[in-house]
Amino acid sequence: MRDRINDEARLSLMLEEIGNIESFMKNIGSYDAFESNKLLCHAVIYNLQCIGENVYRLSHEFISKHPGADWEAIEGLRHVLVHDYYQVSMNMIWSIIENDMPRLKDYITSIQM
């Protein structure tokens, strides 16, 4: 374990962060509405960074026992969002929100301890 917060707590934090994004996006009906709202974009990106940080801090044992998510890609996204933020495409973020986040939420919910 990398720190004192256990894997179960990290999963709960990730679900909370996904819930934040869902709440922020509740009345956003289109990509254009999303992309034009800079405050919203930054709030979503911050929560995606937090999800990636929690994945980074999951134990190696947990990750090896739960291969149903692309943990490496999620962690990699966090590195891009933090270190290469100037390369971030809002189209990519929109796609993650629309396609990847619901699957991650379902998977985390299915494996929660």
Protein backbone atom coordinates (compact mmCIF):
# COMPACT_ATOMS: atom_id res chain seq x y z
CA MET A 1 0.00 0.00 0.00
CA ARG A 2 1.34 3.40 -0.94
CA ASP A 3 -0.35 5.34 1.86
CA ARG A 4 -2.82 5.01 4.71
CA ILE A 5 -5.99 5.39 2.64
CA ASN A 6 -6.98 1.87 1.61
CA ASP A 7 -8.19 0.70 -1.76
CA GLU A 8 -11.83 0.64 -0.71
CA ALA A 9 -11.63 4.30 0.35
CA ARG A 10 -9.98 5.16 -2.97
CA LEU A 11 -12.83 3.47 -4.86
CA SER A 12 -15.33 5.51 -2.83
CA LEU A 13 -13.43 8.70 -3.64
CA MET A 14 -13.47 7.82 -7.33
CA LEU A 15 -17.23 7.26 -7.24
CA GLU A 16 -17.62 10.62 -5.50
CA GLU A 17 -15.52 12.33 -8.18
CA ILE A 18 -17.53 10.63 -10.94
CA GLY A 19 -20.68 11.82 -9.15
CA ASN A 20 -19.29 15.36 -9.12
CA ILE A 21 -18.76 15.24 -12.88
CA GLU A 22 -22.24 13.80 -13.43
CA SER A 23 -23.71 16.58 -11.31
CA PHE A 24 -21.76 19.28 -13.16
CA MET A 25 -22.85 17.87 -16.52
CA LYS A 26 -26.51 17.36 -15.59
CA ASN A 27 -27.96 20.18 -17.68
CA ILE A 28 -25.27 20.28 -20.34
CA GLY A 29 -26.85 18.90 -23.47
CA SER A 30 -24.16 19.35 -26.06
CA TYR A 31 -20.46 19.46 -26.64
CA ASP A 32 -20.69 23.15 -27.59
CA ALA A 33 -22.37 23.99 -24.27
CA PHE A 34 -19.66 22.08 -22.44
CA GLU A 35 -16.72 23.48 -24.37
CA SER A 36 -17.89 27.09 -24.09
CA ASN A 37 -18.13 26.90 -20.28
CA LYS A 38 -14.52 27.24 -19.13
CA LEU A 39 -15.36 26.97 -15.43
CA LEU A 40 -17.19 23.70 -16.09
CA CYS A 41 -14.30 22.37 -18.20
CA HIS A 42 -11.82 23.10 -15.42
CA ALA A 43 -14.06 21.53 -12.76
CA VAL A 44 -14.43 18.35 -14.82
CA ILE A 45 -10.70 18.19 -15.53
CA TYR A 46 -9.89 18.62 -11.83
CA ASN A 47 -12.13 15.67 -10.93
CA LEU A 48 -10.57 13.56 -13.71
CA GLN A 49 -7.16 14.41 -12.24
CA CYS A 50 -8.37 13.28 -8.81
CA ILE A 51 -9.65 10.00 -10.25
CA GLY A 52 -6.26 9.43 -11.86
CA GLU A 53 -4.44 10.22 -8.64
CA ASN A 54 -6.58 7.73 -6.75
CA VAL A 55 -5.84 5.09 -9.39
CA TYR A 56 -2.12 5.87 -9.06
CA ARG A 57 -2.38 5.22 -5.33
CA LEU A 58 -4.28 1.92 -5.57
CA SER A 59 -2.23 -1.00 -4.33
CA HIS A 60 -0.47 -3.15 -6.89
CA GLU A 61 -2.31 -6.16 -5.46
CA PHE A 62 -5.68 -4.54 -6.06
CA ILE A 63 -4.85 -3.60 -9.64
CA SER A 64 -3.63 -7.10 -10.47
CA LYS A 65 -6.81 -8.64 -9.00
CA HIS A 66 -9.12 -6.27 -10.91
CA PRO A 67 -8.06 -6.09 -14.56
CA GLY A 68 -11.49 -4.99 -15.79
CA ALA A 69 -10.51 -1.32 -16.03
CA ASP A 70 -7.62 0.19 -17.91
CA TRP A 71 -5.98 1.51 -14.77
CA GLU A 72 -2.81 2.43 -16.67
CA ALA A 73 -4.74 4.62 -19.12
CA ILE A 74 -6.62 6.35 -16.30
CA GLU A 75 -3.36 7.08 -14.49
CA GLY A 76 -1.82 8.20 -17.78
CA LEU A 77 -4.68 10.63 -18.36
CA ARG A 78 -3.93 12.20 -15.00
CA HIS A 79 -0.31 12.76 -16.05
CA VAL A 80 -1.44 14.42 -19.28
CA LEU A 81 -3.97 16.61 -17.49
CA VAL A 82 -1.41 17.75 -14.93
CA HIS A 83 1.82 17.93 -16.90
CA ASP A 84 0.80 18.29 -20.55
CA TYR A 85 -2.39 20.28 -19.99
CA TYR A 86 -1.67 22.46 -23.02
CA GLN A 87 -2.26 19.40 -25.21
CA VAL A 88 -5.64 18.52 -23.72
CA SER A 89 -8.47 18.48 -26.21
CA MET A 90 -11.95 19.21 -24.93
CA ASN A 91 -13.19 16.71 -27.54
CA MET A 92 -11.14 14.05 -25.73
CA ILE A 93 -12.57 15.11 -22.36
CA TRP A 94 -16.11 15.04 -23.78
CA SER A 95 -15.53 11.53 -25.13
CA ILE A 96 -14.23 10.36 -21.75
CA ILE A 97 -17.30 11.78 -20.00
CA GLU A 98 -19.71 10.27 -22.52
CA ASN A 99 -18.07 6.87 -23.10
CA ASP A 100 -15.47 5.90 -20.52
CA MET A 101 -16.75 7.34 -17.27
CA PRO A 102 -20.04 5.40 -17.19
CA ARG A 103 -18.16 2.12 -17.75
CA LEU A 104 -15.65 2.99 -15.02
CA LYS A 105 -18.49 3.84 -12.63
CA ASP A 106 -20.22 0.53 -13.36
CA TYR A 107 -16.98 -1.43 -12.91
CA ILE A 108 -16.06 0.26 -9.63
CA THR A 109 -19.58 -0.30 -8.33
CA SER A 110 -19.37 -4.00 -9.26
CA ILE A 111 -16.04 -4.57 -7.45
CA GLN A 112 -16.50 -2.41 -4.39
CA MET A 113 -15.52 -4.39 -1.34
